[in-house]
Amino acid sequence: MTPKTLVERISEREILTLGVLVSSLELPADADADEAASALLVFEENYPIKVGQLRPHDPLAGFLDHRARSPITWLFEQARTEDRASELNDRLSKRSRLLGVPALRRPPETVREFVLAWLGMRLESD
């Protein structure tokens, strides 16, 4: 039996309300909850998941993982995966420029870090 990808595992989770999910991110007090919610919606736009199925510590690398049964399928899945990753990075880069914040020294590794970067806040280990 092939292990499930992160997206497959996420699809089996309980769906949290957007408000509960934003609260679970444990963002700094000055963080804008509406902007945090908009960052989370980027995932729903790019992946076959409901935003309420995300959790703060979900690794972003897990969204790039896919299983393919044949080389041709793998090739198409790889292209789709790279497109999605590029879209996330592009949206985050545009957002940083819009906010006038410097580029991150390292890419975000988790959903929570993606939201922090979206808000223009420093990552803990940055």
Foldseek 3Di string as FASTA:
>chain_A
DDDDFPLVVLQPDDFDDLVVQLVQLVDPPPFDSVLLSVLLVLCVVLGVHDSSSFHFFAFPVSQLDDDDDDPVRVVVSNVSSVVSVVSLVVVLVVLCVVVVADDAPDDDTGSSSSSCSSRNHHDPVD
